[in-house]
Structure formats: structure tokens, C-alpha cells
Amino acid sequence: MDEITKHTLKIYKTMRNPNNSISKKMVDITLEIFIIVFAVSLAQFLERQREQSVKQGEVKEFLLGLRNDMKNDVASAKEIIKFYDEKKHIYSFLSNIKATTRPNADTLKQYVGQIGNNAFLRPSISRFEGFKSTGKLEEIEDKELLQNILYYYEQALTQLNSSESGWVGLQQKLAGFFTDNRVENDDGTNNYYELIIQPKAKNLCRAMIPWPQLYDRCHAVIKLGDTIVKEINKDYPGK
């Protein structure tokens, strides 16, 4: 600003100088105007560069934090797959109990005791939602990475949540059925066998055998999460 003021004063003095010819004044004034325009343009360019540097610093901080969120989500999704593998065995067993064949009482009690268990992915979304709410997502220069991030949070997680909600809803119905009807006697006996062979219980157990869509959507989250982590590592090697 001081430089602009200085050159503006020079223009004024040049115009007021009676000793210079018109042509000399025009040359001097043109030079001073060029210097002023250049100074203003340079100042604007440097300010834009500074702002861009600040924005990319924020993007970097966001993406490196997001990488940790993704790693945690992927690890959780892998644990949930293991959970479904266990439940697949349990509900296959329970749904195949025959009215004519009483299973081992201890095994039945152990499996019925797990009916109340459920699991679903609790993704780390606060960082993404916070950055999105500030309108800064578009500052991510790697557009392929940006598209993968948006698909992950706005579609892949939503799809998995929808499948998980269906499974948890069935689990709650089955757990409620046993809570309402179970009888546990003082001598350690119970009515689990009588309950599990009822059509409602058998149908719910059969429906709760984890279906392919649950696995597919868990694997989709894992695959996309791993891809995003690799892309961030590529953009910020060694960080």
C-alpha cells in the first residue's frame, strides 16, 4: 500500500511539473501506472497463493485424519464379518432343530443366550460431516479421491446401514419372543426347546442367517476404505 501511494504521488508531481514536456510526462505517468498495476496484481497473486496454501493445509489435515477414520472403519467392518460368521453357524443350528430330535441342552442354552447379541458398524463420520458443512470438500484437488470419499459416506455406509438395520430388527423380534415366553426353573431346566421349535422362532432364526447382501456391503465398505487410504498415502507419501 505504501508503494502504491508513493507511485501515485509521483504521477501527481509529474503532472504538476512545468519543466517536463507533454510527451515526457506521458512516458513517466505510463511507467508509474504500470508499476502500480504490477504491484497490485502481484499483491493479489501473493494473497491468492497464501489463501490457497492455507486451504491445502486444511485439506491435508482433514485427509490425514480421515485416513485414521477409514482404518478404524475397515477394522470394525472386518470384525463384523467375523460376528456374522458366528451367527451364521448359530442360527443355522437353531433353525434346523427338529420337533422330533431334542438337541444337547447345554448347546441350546449357549446359543439361545446369544440371541440378544447384535453388531453394526459405527463409522467415524464427525470429521467428514464437519468438513463438508464448511463447504471445503471441493478444495480437495484429487477429484477421484473426492468422489470415492463422497461415495463411501453417502452411499456405501448408507447401504450397509440399511442391511444391518434389517438384521437387527429381526434379532430384536427373536429376542423379544424369548424374553416374553422363556421359563427358567430353579433346578436349571428351561423351556428353550419348546420355544425354538415353534414356527415363529424357527422362521425368525432362518431369516437371521446372515444373507449375502450383508457380506457384500461389508466387503464394499472395506474395499472402498482401503482404496481411500491408499489414495491418501499416494497424495501424502511419508505422512
C-alpha atoms as a PDB file:
ATOM      1  CA  MET A   1       0.000   0.000   0.000  1.00  0.00           C
ATOM      2  CA  ASP A   2       2.889   2.403   0.793  1.00  0.00           C
ATOM      3  CA  GLU A   3       4.452   1.667  -2.607  1.00  0.00           C
ATOM      4  CA  ILE A   4       1.183   2.407  -4.395  1.00  0.00           C
ATOM      5  CA  THR A   5       0.835   5.683  -2.510  1.00  0.00           C
ATOM      6  CA  LYS A   6       4.419   6.614  -3.392  1.00  0.00           C
ATOM      7  CA  HIS A   7       3.925   6.000  -7.102  1.00  0.00           C
ATOM      8  CA  THR A   8       0.589   7.787  -7.098  1.00  0.00           C
ATOM      9  CA  LEU A   9       2.310  10.863  -5.660  1.00  0.00           C
ATOM     10  CA  LYS A  10       4.932  10.602  -8.402  1.00  0.00           C
ATOM     11  CA  ILE A  11       2.178  10.727 -11.016  1.00  0.00           C
ATOM     12  CA  TYR A  12       0.729  13.799  -9.362  1.00  0.00           C
ATOM     13  CA  LYS A  13       4.118  15.534  -9.208  1.00  0.00           C
ATOM     14  CA  THR A  14       4.851  14.618 -12.814  1.00  0.00           C
ATOM     15  CA  MET A  15       1.609  16.124 -13.963  1.00  0.00           C
ATOM     16  CA  ARG A  16       2.332  19.318 -11.989  1.00  0.00           C
ATOM     17  CA  ASN A  17       5.946  19.643 -13.148  1.00  0.00           C
ATOM     18  CA  PRO A  18       6.083  22.609 -15.595  1.00  0.00           C
ATOM     19  CA  ASN A  19       9.621  21.726 -16.720  1.00  0.00           C
ATOM     20  CA  ASN A  20       8.660  18.471 -18.464  1.00  0.00           C
ATOM     21  CA  SER A  21       7.169  18.234 -21.921  1.00  0.00           C
ATOM     22  CA  ILE A  22       3.816  16.591 -22.513  1.00  0.00           C
ATOM     23  CA  SER A  23       5.471  13.555 -24.091  1.00  0.00           C
ATOM     24  CA  LYS A  24       7.884  13.191 -21.172  1.00  0.00           C
ATOM     25  CA  LYS A  25       5.012  13.422 -18.731  1.00  0.00           C
ATOM     26  CA  MET A  26       3.068  10.748 -20.637  1.00  0.00           C
ATOM     27  CA  VAL A  27       6.022   8.375 -20.580  1.00  0.00           C
ATOM     28  CA  ASP A  28       6.644   8.917 -16.872  1.00  0.00           C
ATOM     29  CA  ILE A  29       2.965   8.607 -15.989  1.00  0.00           C
ATOM     30  CA  THR A  30       2.591   5.432 -18.063  1.00  0.00           C
ATOM     31  CA  LEU A  31       5.593   3.925 -16.297  1.00  0.00           C
ATOM     32  CA  GLU A  32       4.199   4.781 -12.875  1.00  0.00           C
ATOM     33  CA  ILE A  33       0.764   3.368 -13.782  1.00  0.00           C
ATOM     34  CA  PHE A  34       2.434   0.163 -14.973  1.00  0.00           C
ATOM     35  CA  ILE A  35       4.323  -0.085 -11.686  1.00  0.00           C
ATOM     36  CA  ILE A  36       1.097   0.449  -9.711  1.00  0.00           C
ATOM     37  CA  VAL A  37      -0.828  -2.166 -11.753  1.00  0.00           C
ATOM     38  CA  PHE A  38       2.032  -4.621 -11.414  1.00  0.00           C
ATOM     39  CA  ALA A  39       2.263  -4.034  -7.664  1.00  0.00           C
ATOM     40  CA  VAL A  40      -1.493  -4.522  -7.216  1.00  0.00           C
ATOM     41  CA  SER A  41      -1.500  -7.661  -9.391  1.00  0.00           C
ATOM     42  CA  LEU A  42       1.491  -9.095  -7.555  1.00  0.00           C
ATOM     43  CA  ALA A  43      -0.111  -8.396  -4.177  1.00  0.00           C
ATOM     44  CA  GLN A  44      -3.332 -10.100  -5.294  1.00  0.00           C
ATOM     45  CA  PHE A  45      -1.406 -13.081  -6.657  1.00  0.00           C
ATOM     46  CA  LEU A  46       0.557 -13.491  -3.435  1.00  0.00           C
ATOM     47  CA  GLU A  47      -2.642 -13.230  -1.384  1.00  0.00           C
ATOM     48  CA  ARG A  48      -4.309 -15.895  -3.520  1.00  0.00           C
ATOM     49  CA  GLN A  49      -1.258 -18.102  -3.105  1.00  0.00           C
ATOM     50  CA  ARG A  50      -1.336 -17.588   0.642  1.00  0.00           C
ATOM     51  CA  GLU A  51      -5.051 -18.401   0.802  1.00  0.00           C
ATOM     52  CA  GLN A  52      -4.530 -21.488  -1.363  1.00  0.00           C
ATOM     53  CA  SER A  53      -1.691 -22.630   0.875  1.00  0.00           C
ATOM     54  CA  VAL A  54      -3.914 -22.252   3.938  1.00  0.00           C
ATOM     55  CA  LYS A  55      -6.749 -24.158   2.244  1.00  0.00           C
ATOM     56  CA  GLN A  56      -4.476 -27.011   1.158  1.00  0.00           C
ATOM     57  CA  GLY A  57      -3.060 -27.165   4.673  1.00  0.00           C
ATOM     58  CA  GLU A  58      -6.597 -27.665   5.968  1.00  0.00           C
ATOM     59  CA  VAL A  59      -7.250 -30.301   3.283  1.00  0.00           C
ATOM     60  CA  LYS A  60      -4.090 -32.153   4.260  1.00  0.00           C
ATOM     61  CA  GLU A  61      -5.025 -32.132   7.946  1.00  0.00           C
ATOM     62  CA  PHE A  62      -8.524 -33.358   7.071  1.00  0.00           C
ATOM     63  CA  LEU A  63      -7.358 -36.174   4.805  1.00  0.00           C
ATOM     64  CA  LEU A  64      -4.696 -37.449   7.190  1.00  0.00           C
ATOM     65  CA  GLY A  65      -7.309 -37.539   9.954  1.00  0.00           C
ATOM     66  CA  LEU A  66      -9.801 -39.176   7.595  1.00  0.00           C
ATOM     67  CA  ARG A  67      -7.230 -41.867   6.843  1.00  0.00           C
ATOM     68  CA  ASN A  68      -7.309 -42.904  10.507  1.00  0.00           C
ATOM     69  CA  ASP A  69     -11.112 -42.885  10.468  1.00  0.00           C
ATOM     70  CA  MET A  70     -11.072 -45.170   7.424  1.00  0.00           C
ATOM     71  CA  LYS A  71      -8.622 -47.578   9.031  1.00  0.00           C
ATOM     72  CA  ASN A  72     -10.838 -47.817  12.113  1.00  0.00           C
ATOM     73  CA  ASP A  73     -13.959 -48.358   9.996  1.00  0.00           C
ATOM     74  CA  VAL A  74     -12.274 -51.075   7.936  1.00  0.00           C
ATOM     75  CA  ALA A  75     -11.071 -52.863  11.079  1.00  0.00           C
ATOM     76  CA  SER A  76     -14.587 -52.687  12.566  1.00  0.00           C
ATOM     77  CA  ALA A  77     -16.182 -53.986   9.346  1.00  0.00           C
ATOM     78  CA  LYS A  78     -13.817 -56.980   9.378  1.00  0.00           C
ATOM     79  CA  GLU A  79     -14.831 -57.752  12.972  1.00  0.00           C
ATOM     80  CA  ILE A  80     -18.499 -57.525  11.998  1.00  0.00           C
ATOM     81  CA  ILE A  81     -17.923 -60.094   9.248  1.00  0.00           C
ATOM     82  CA  LYS A  82     -16.489 -62.428  11.881  1.00  0.00           C
ATOM     83  CA  PHE A  83     -19.582 -61.740  14.017  1.00  0.00           C
ATOM     84  CA  TYR A  84     -21.864 -62.690  11.116  1.00  0.00           C
ATOM     85  CA  ASP A  85     -19.850 -65.847  10.523  1.00  0.00           C
ATOM     86  CA  GLU A  86     -20.507 -66.884  14.132  1.00  0.00           C
ATOM     87  CA  LYS A  87     -24.201 -66.028  13.877  1.00  0.00           C
ATOM     88  CA  LYS A  88     -24.491 -67.914  10.602  1.00  0.00           C
ATOM     89  CA  HIS A  89     -23.464 -71.075  12.427  1.00  0.00           C
ATOM     90  CA  ILE A  90     -25.718 -70.391  15.430  1.00  0.00           C
ATOM     91  CA  TYR A  91     -28.893 -69.545  13.504  1.00  0.00           C
ATOM     92  CA  SER A  92     -28.362 -72.382  11.047  1.00  0.00           C
ATOM     93  CA  PHE A  93     -28.225 -74.727  14.031  1.00  0.00           C
ATOM     94  CA  LEU A  94     -31.286 -73.218  15.739  1.00  0.00           C
ATOM     95  CA  SER A  95     -33.411 -73.114  12.581  1.00  0.00           C
ATOM     96  CA  ASN A  96     -32.734 -76.793  11.872  1.00  0.00           C
ATOM     97  CA  ILE A  97     -33.795 -78.178  15.269  1.00  0.00           C
ATOM     98  CA  LYS A  98     -36.486 -80.767  14.702  1.00  0.00           C
ATOM     99  CA  ALA A  99     -39.552 -81.313  16.830  1.00  0.00           C
ATOM    100  CA  THR A 100     -38.592 -84.989  16.960  1.00  0.00           C
ATOM    101  CA  THR A 101     -34.962 -84.534  17.952  1.00  0.00           C
ATOM    102  CA  ARG A 102     -34.032 -82.720  21.132  1.00  0.00           C
ATOM    103  CA  PRO A 103     -30.557 -81.113  20.928  1.00  0.00           C
ATOM    104  CA  ASN A 104     -27.943 -81.047  23.660  1.00  0.00           C
ATOM    105  CA  ALA A 105     -29.395 -78.863  26.436  1.00  0.00           C
ATOM    106  CA  ASP A 106     -26.140 -77.041  27.175  1.00  0.00           C
ATOM    107  CA  THR A 107     -25.535 -76.236  23.494  1.00  0.00           C
ATOM    108  CA  LEU A 108     -29.085 -74.977  23.093  1.00  0.00           C
ATOM    109  CA  LYS A 109     -28.779 -72.815  26.203  1.00  0.00           C
ATOM    110  CA  GLN A 110     -25.466 -71.403  24.982  1.00  0.00           C
ATOM    111  CA  TYR A 111     -26.867 -70.494  21.562  1.00  0.00           C
ATOM    112  CA  VAL A 112     -30.122 -69.079  22.871  1.00  0.00           C
ATOM    113  CA  GLY A 113     -28.058 -66.964  25.252  1.00  0.00           C
ATOM    114  CA  GLN A 114     -26.523 -65.253  22.224  1.00  0.00           C
ATOM    115  CA  ILE A 115     -29.816 -64.298  20.614  1.00  0.00           C
ATOM    116  CA  GLY A 116     -29.674 -60.889  22.280  1.00  0.00           C
ATOM    117  CA  ASN A 117     -26.323 -60.063  20.673  1.00  0.00           C
ATOM    118  CA  ASN A 118     -26.159 -57.779  17.681  1.00  0.00           C
ATOM    119  CA  ALA A 119     -23.489 -55.785  15.908  1.00  0.00           C
ATOM    120  CA  PHE A 120     -23.442 -52.970  13.400  1.00  0.00           C
ATOM    121  CA  LEU A 121     -20.835 -50.612  12.042  1.00  0.00           C
ATOM    122  CA  ARG A 122     -20.471 -47.349  13.931  1.00  0.00           C
ATOM    123  CA  PRO A 123     -18.497 -45.334  11.372  1.00  0.00           C
ATOM    124  CA  SER A 124     -16.454 -42.290  12.270  1.00  0.00           C
ATOM    125  CA  ILE A 125     -18.410 -39.589  10.423  1.00  0.00           C
ATOM    126  CA  SER A 126     -17.958 -36.429  12.508  1.00  0.00           C
ATOM    127  CA  ARG A 127     -14.759 -35.360  10.730  1.00  0.00           C
ATOM    128  CA  PHE A 128     -16.333 -35.791   7.295  1.00  0.00           C
ATOM    129  CA  GLU A 129     -19.584 -34.063   8.266  1.00  0.00           C
ATOM    130  CA  GLY A 130     -17.694 -31.168   9.859  1.00  0.00           C
ATOM    131  CA  PHE A 131     -15.509 -30.589   6.793  1.00  0.00           C
ATOM    132  CA  LYS A 132     -18.489 -30.979   4.482  1.00  0.00           C
ATOM    133  CA  SER A 133     -20.553 -28.451   6.443  1.00  0.00           C
ATOM    134  CA  THR A 134     -17.877 -25.794   5.914  1.00  0.00           C
ATOM    135  CA  GLY A 135     -18.049 -26.276   2.141  1.00  0.00           C
ATOM    136  CA  LYS A 136     -14.378 -27.232   1.951  1.00  0.00           C
ATOM    137  CA  LEU A 137     -14.685 -30.641   0.298  1.00  0.00           C
ATOM    138  CA  GLU A 138     -14.297 -29.071  -3.141  1.00  0.00           C
ATOM    139  CA  GLU A 139     -10.853 -27.852  -2.094  1.00  0.00           C
ATOM    140  CA  ILE A 140      -9.625 -31.456  -2.406  1.00  0.00           C
ATOM    141  CA  GLU A 141      -7.632 -31.316  -5.635  1.00  0.00           C
ATOM    142  CA  ASP A 142      -7.603 -35.082  -6.191  1.00  0.00           C
ATOM    143  CA  LYS A 143     -11.100 -35.381  -7.659  1.00  0.00           C
ATOM    144  CA  GLU A 144     -11.027 -39.172  -7.890  1.00  0.00           C
ATOM    145  CA  LEU A 145     -10.262 -39.290  -4.179  1.00  0.00           C
ATOM    146  CA  LEU A 146     -13.067 -36.810  -3.515  1.00  0.00           C
ATOM    147  CA  GLN A 147     -15.572 -38.929  -5.448  1.00  0.00           C
ATOM    148  CA  ASN A 148     -14.552 -42.048  -3.528  1.00  0.00           C
ATOM    149  CA  ILE A 149     -14.935 -40.226  -0.206  1.00  0.00           C
ATOM    150  CA  LEU A 150     -18.395 -38.968  -1.154  1.00  0.00           C
ATOM    151  CA  TYR A 151     -19.488 -42.414  -2.339  1.00  0.00           C
ATOM    152  CA  TYR A 152     -18.151 -44.004   0.853  1.00  0.00           C
ATOM    153  CA  TYR A 153     -20.029 -41.727   3.249  1.00  0.00           C
ATOM    154  CA  GLU A 154     -23.171 -41.050   1.233  1.00  0.00           C
ATOM    155  CA  GLN A 155     -23.797 -44.442  -0.379  1.00  0.00           C
ATOM    156  CA  ALA A 156     -21.634 -47.350   0.813  1.00  0.00           C
ATOM    157  CA  LEU A 157     -22.224 -46.678   4.521  1.00  0.00           C
ATOM    158  CA  THR A 158     -25.910 -45.932   3.951  1.00  0.00           C
ATOM    159  CA  GLN A 159     -26.402 -49.190   2.064  1.00  0.00           C
ATOM    160  CA  LEU A 160     -24.647 -51.194   4.765  1.00  0.00           C
ATOM    161  CA  ASN A 161     -26.688 -49.482   7.466  1.00  0.00           C
ATOM    162  CA  SER A 162     -29.881 -50.416   5.649  1.00  0.00           C
ATOM    163  CA  SER A 163     -28.922 -54.105   5.580  1.00  0.00           C
ATOM    164  CA  GLU A 164     -27.752 -54.032   9.179  1.00  0.00           C
ATOM    165  CA  SER A 165     -30.996 -52.417  10.311  1.00  0.00           C
ATOM    166  CA  GLY A 166     -32.964 -55.263   8.727  1.00  0.00           C
ATOM    167  CA  TRP A 167     -30.874 -57.856  10.536  1.00  0.00           C
ATOM    168  CA  VAL A 168     -31.022 -56.049  13.889  1.00  0.00           C
ATOM    169  CA  GLY A 169     -34.794 -55.701  13.520  1.00  0.00           C
ATOM    170  CA  LEU A 170     -35.148 -59.483  13.183  1.00  0.00           C
ATOM    171  CA  GLN A 171     -32.785 -60.039  16.097  1.00  0.00           C
ATOM    172  CA  GLN A 172     -34.890 -57.781  18.313  1.00  0.00           C
ATOM    173  CA  LYS A 173     -38.062 -59.667  17.370  1.00  0.00           C
ATOM    174  CA  LEU A 174     -36.495 -63.011  18.224  1.00  0.00           C
ATOM    175  CA  ALA A 175     -35.000 -61.688  21.461  1.00  0.00           C
ATOM    176  CA  GLY A 176     -38.387 -60.224  22.399  1.00  0.00           C
ATOM    177  CA  PHE A 177     -40.111 -63.532  21.708  1.00  0.00           C
ATOM    178  CA  PHE A 178     -37.772 -65.359  24.086  1.00  0.00           C
ATOM    179  CA  THR A 179     -37.931 -62.605  26.706  1.00  0.00           C
ATOM    180  CA  ASP A 180     -41.736 -62.781  26.724  1.00  0.00           C
ATOM    181  CA  ASN A 181     -42.038 -66.567  26.775  1.00  0.00           C
ATOM    182  CA  ARG A 182     -38.974 -68.139  28.344  1.00  0.00           C
ATOM    183  CA  VAL A 183     -39.233 -70.076  31.586  1.00  0.00           C
ATOM    184  CA  GLU A 184     -36.153 -70.810  33.666  1.00  0.00           C
ATOM    185  CA  ASN A 185     -36.767 -73.126  36.587  1.00  0.00           C
ATOM    186  CA  ASP A 186     -34.941 -73.239  39.903  1.00  0.00           C
ATOM    187  CA  ASP A 187     -33.467 -76.634  39.061  1.00  0.00           C
ATOM    188  CA  GLY A 188     -31.700 -75.178  35.992  1.00  0.00           C
ATOM    189  CA  THR A 189     -34.126 -76.521  33.414  1.00  0.00           C
ATOM    190  CA  ASN A 190     -35.872 -74.273  30.912  1.00  0.00           C
ATOM    191  CA  ASN A 191     -38.372 -74.280  28.048  1.00  0.00           C
ATOM    192  CA  TYR A 192     -35.924 -73.240  25.325  1.00  0.00           C
ATOM    193  CA  TYR A 193     -36.544 -76.366  23.262  1.00  0.00           C
ATOM    194  CA  GLU A 194     -40.315 -75.888  23.349  1.00  0.00           C
ATOM    195  CA  LEU A 195     -39.867 -72.271  22.201  1.00  0.00           C
ATOM    196  CA  ILE A 196     -37.283 -72.854  19.475  1.00  0.00           C
ATOM    197  CA  ILE A 197     -39.424 -75.408  17.649  1.00  0.00           C
ATOM    198  CA  GLN A 198     -42.361 -73.032  17.411  1.00  0.00           C
ATOM    199  CA  PRO A 199     -42.936 -71.723  13.850  1.00  0.00           C
ATOM    200  CA  LYS A 200     -42.330 -68.081  14.797  1.00  0.00           C
ATOM    201  CA  ALA A 201     -38.954 -68.850  16.373  1.00  0.00           C
ATOM    202  CA  LYS A 202     -37.884 -71.159  13.554  1.00  0.00           C
ATOM    203  CA  ASN A 203     -38.883 -68.635  10.885  1.00  0.00           C
ATOM    204  CA  LEU A 204     -37.007 -65.830  12.631  1.00  0.00           C
ATOM    205  CA  CYS A 205     -33.911 -67.988  13.131  1.00  0.00           C
ATOM    206  CA  ARG A 206     -33.973 -68.955   9.468  1.00  0.00           C
ATOM    207  CA  ALA A 207     -34.353 -65.305   8.420  1.00  0.00           C
ATOM    208  CA  MET A 208     -31.452 -64.314  10.643  1.00  0.00           C
ATOM    209  CA  ILE A 209     -28.903 -66.493   8.905  1.00  0.00           C
ATOM    210  CA  PRO A 210     -26.801 -63.604   7.525  1.00  0.00           C
ATOM    211  CA  TRP A 211     -27.663 -63.159   3.870  1.00  0.00           C
ATOM    212  CA  PRO A 212     -25.182 -62.442   1.041  1.00  0.00           C
ATOM    213  CA  GLN A 213     -26.118 -58.754   0.826  1.00  0.00           C
ATOM    214  CA  LEU A 214     -24.856 -58.179   4.378  1.00  0.00           C
ATOM    215  CA  TYR A 215     -21.490 -59.667   3.489  1.00  0.00           C
ATOM    216  CA  ASP A 216     -21.325 -57.889   0.124  1.00  0.00           C
ATOM    217  CA  ARG A 217     -21.947 -54.484   1.664  1.00  0.00           C
ATOM    218  CA  CYS A 218     -19.436 -55.065   4.446  1.00  0.00           C
ATOM    219  CA  HIS A 219     -16.845 -56.057   1.871  1.00  0.00           C
ATOM    220  CA  ALA A 220     -17.722 -52.991  -0.232  1.00  0.00           C
ATOM    221  CA  VAL A 221     -17.015 -50.706   2.738  1.00  0.00           C
ATOM    222  CA  ILE A 222     -13.722 -52.500   3.386  1.00  0.00           C
ATOM    223  CA  LYS A 223     -12.629 -52.340  -0.246  1.00  0.00           C
ATOM    224  CA  LEU A 224     -13.508 -48.674  -0.682  1.00  0.00           C
ATOM    225  CA  GLY A 225     -11.990 -47.741   2.686  1.00  0.00           C
ATOM    226  CA  ASP A 226      -8.728 -49.443   1.728  1.00  0.00           C
ATOM    227  CA  THR A 227      -8.773 -47.654  -1.638  1.00  0.00           C
ATOM    228  CA  ILE A 228      -9.219 -44.259   0.001  1.00  0.00           C
ATOM    229  CA  VAL A 229      -6.370 -44.950   2.446  1.00  0.00           C
ATOM    230  CA  LYS A 230      -4.076 -45.870  -0.463  1.00  0.00           C
ATOM    231  CA  GLU A 231      -5.055 -42.724  -2.381  1.00  0.00           C
ATOM    232  CA  ILE A 232      -4.317 -40.514   0.630  1.00  0.00           C
ATOM    233  CA  ASN A 233      -0.974 -42.253   1.105  1.00  0.00           C
ATOM    234  CA  LYS A 234      -0.203 -41.600  -2.564  1.00  0.00           C
ATOM    235  CA  ASP A 235      -1.066 -37.907  -2.258  1.00  0.00           C
ATOM    236  CA  TYR A 236       0.872 -37.503   1.001  1.00  0.00           C
ATOM    237  CA  PRO A 237       3.739 -40.019   0.874  1.00  0.00           C
ATOM    238  CA  GLY A 238       5.636 -40.477   4.092  1.00  0.00           C
ATOM    239  CA  LYS A 239       2.981 -38.744   6.210  1.00  0.00           C
END
